[in-house]
Every structure is written in C-alpha cells, then in structure tokens.
Amino acid sequence: MGWRARNVKRIFIRGYFMPVIAVKPKARLLVPYSYCFRFTDQEDQGIRALEAWAERHQIEVLHKKFIRWL
C-alpha cells in the first residue's frame, strides 16, 4: 500500500484472533475502510514488524476499537 510515515497519525489494532489493523491518516477524522487489513500468515511476526516500524517513526500504536468510514 505504500503509506509514508509522515502521513500516518496512529495505528489501531483491534481483536486478538485474526486482529484487524487500521492505519489512520493525519488528514482524516475517521479511518478509511481501504486502510484496514488483516495479516493472513505469520500474524504475530507481521504485527511485531508493524509495531517496530511505528516505533522507529514515532507513530502511536493503540490496541482498541476504531471507527471506519466507507
């Protein structure tokens, strides 16, 4: 998808089994539906890599519910 770190406000992770990841852009009030996804294989490894990327770029990662917009 190619998000640039400077355009990302925060990342949400919702759920435990097959969690949904949402990337909230700085310019939006809600998360666009197309910015939500799930890791299908090696979930733990993918989420750990995403959290490490977010930490490197000082992006907040929250484990909570979020609102999507179509």
C-alpha atoms as a PDB file:
ATOM      1  CA  MET A   1       0.000   0.000   0.000  1.00  0.00           C
ATOM      2  CA  GLY A   2       2.952   2.298   0.446  1.00  0.00           C
ATOM      3  CA  TRP A   3       1.994   4.613   3.295  1.00  0.00           C
ATOM      4  CA  ARG A   4       4.518   7.296   4.160  1.00  0.00           C
ATOM      5  CA  ALA A   5       5.275   7.616   7.848  1.00  0.00           C
ATOM      6  CA  ARG A   6       4.804  11.382   7.819  1.00  0.00           C
ATOM      7  CA  ASN A   7       1.152  10.929   6.727  1.00  0.00           C
ATOM      8  CA  VAL A   8       0.221   8.403   9.440  1.00  0.00           C
ATOM      9  CA  LYS A   9      -1.256   9.726  12.678  1.00  0.00           C
ATOM     10  CA  ARG A  10      -1.696   6.411  14.524  1.00  0.00           C
ATOM     11  CA  ILE A  11      -2.211   2.696  14.034  1.00  0.00           C
ATOM     12  CA  PHE A  12      -5.056   0.769  15.649  1.00  0.00           C
ATOM     13  CA  ILE A  13      -5.105  -2.973  16.324  1.00  0.00           C
ATOM     14  CA  ARG A  14      -8.496  -4.474  17.182  1.00  0.00           C
ATOM     15  CA  GLY A  15      -9.067  -8.042  18.287  1.00  0.00           C
ATOM     16  CA  TYR A  16      -6.949 -10.964  19.398  1.00  0.00           C
ATOM     17  CA  PHE A  17      -7.651 -13.815  16.957  1.00  0.00           C
ATOM     18  CA  MET A  18      -7.046 -12.548  13.413  1.00  0.00           C
ATOM     19  CA  PRO A  19      -6.805  -8.890  14.522  1.00  0.00           C
ATOM     20  CA  VAL A  20      -7.820  -6.029  12.229  1.00  0.00           C
ATOM     21  CA  ILE A  21      -5.160  -3.382  11.667  1.00  0.00           C
ATOM     22  CA  ALA A  22      -6.209   0.190  10.779  1.00  0.00           C
ATOM     23  CA  VAL A  23      -3.917   2.995   9.638  1.00  0.00           C
ATOM     24  CA  LYS A  24      -5.330   6.442  10.466  1.00  0.00           C
ATOM     25  CA  PRO A  25      -4.013   9.226   8.238  1.00  0.00           C
ATOM     26  CA  LYS A  26      -3.324  12.674   9.711  1.00  0.00           C
ATOM     27  CA  ALA A  27      -5.710  14.399   7.307  1.00  0.00           C
ATOM     28  CA  ARG A  28      -8.752  12.248   8.189  1.00  0.00           C
ATOM     29  CA  LEU A  29     -11.136  12.226  11.134  1.00  0.00           C
ATOM     30  CA  LEU A  30     -12.010   8.527  10.686  1.00  0.00           C
ATOM     31  CA  VAL A  31     -10.085   5.569   9.309  1.00  0.00           C
ATOM     32  CA  PRO A  32     -10.904   4.961   5.603  1.00  0.00           C
ATOM     33  CA  TYR A  33     -12.198   1.436   5.039  1.00  0.00           C
ATOM     34  CA  SER A  34      -9.459   0.771   2.473  1.00  0.00           C
ATOM     35  CA  TYR A  35      -6.809   1.455   5.154  1.00  0.00           C
ATOM     36  CA  CYS A  36      -7.895  -1.584   7.209  1.00  0.00           C
ATOM     37  CA  PHE A  37      -6.399  -5.048   6.752  1.00  0.00           C
ATOM     38  CA  ARG A  38      -5.530  -8.357   8.421  1.00  0.00           C
ATOM     39  CA  PHE A  39      -2.373 -10.402   8.317  1.00  0.00           C
ATOM     40  CA  THR A  40      -3.215 -13.850   6.970  1.00  0.00           C
ATOM     41  CA  ASP A  41       0.067 -15.684   7.614  1.00  0.00           C
ATOM     42  CA  GLN A  42       2.521 -15.281  10.472  1.00  0.00           C
ATOM     43  CA  GLU A  43       0.265 -12.799  12.282  1.00  0.00           C
ATOM     44  CA  ASP A  44       2.499 -12.312  15.301  1.00  0.00           C
ATOM     45  CA  GLN A  45       5.544 -11.675  13.157  1.00  0.00           C
ATOM     46  CA  GLY A  46       3.695  -9.166  10.959  1.00  0.00           C
ATOM     47  CA  ILE A  47       2.259  -7.261  13.918  1.00  0.00           C
ATOM     48  CA  ARG A  48       5.652  -7.148  15.639  1.00  0.00           C
ATOM     49  CA  ALA A  49       7.248  -5.788  12.461  1.00  0.00           C
ATOM     50  CA  LEU A  50       4.479  -3.182  12.126  1.00  0.00           C
ATOM     51  CA  GLU A  51       4.918  -2.090  15.752  1.00  0.00           C
ATOM     52  CA  ALA A  52       8.698  -1.837  15.278  1.00  0.00           C
ATOM     53  CA  TRP A  53       8.180   0.308  12.149  1.00  0.00           C
ATOM     54  CA  ALA A  54       5.758   2.553  14.047  1.00  0.00           C
ATOM     55  CA  GLU A  55       8.211   2.933  16.942  1.00  0.00           C
ATOM     56  CA  ARG A  56      11.029   3.899  14.562  1.00  0.00           C
ATOM     57  CA  HIS A  57       8.813   6.595  13.050  1.00  0.00           C
ATOM     58  CA  GLN A  58       7.309   7.681  16.396  1.00  0.00           C
ATOM     59  CA  ILE A  59       3.767   6.662  15.451  1.00  0.00           C
ATOM     60  CA  GLU A  60       1.360   5.734  18.226  1.00  0.00           C
ATOM     61  CA  VAL A  61       0.009   2.150  18.195  1.00  0.00           C
ATOM     62  CA  LEU A  62      -3.236   1.588  20.092  1.00  0.00           C
ATOM     63  CA  HIS A  63      -4.872  -1.762  20.890  1.00  0.00           C
ATOM     64  CA  LYS A  64      -8.501  -0.641  20.918  1.00  0.00           C
ATOM     65  CA  LYS A  65     -11.656  -0.217  18.839  1.00  0.00           C
ATOM     66  CA  PHE A  66     -11.761   2.278  15.983  1.00  0.00           C
ATOM     67  CA  ILE A  67     -14.358   3.717  13.610  1.00  0.00           C
ATOM     68  CA  ARG A  68     -14.100   3.073   9.874  1.00  0.00           C
ATOM     69  CA  TRP A  69     -15.598   5.129   7.081  1.00  0.00           C
ATOM     70  CA  LEU A  70     -16.639   3.686   3.722  1.00  0.00           C
END
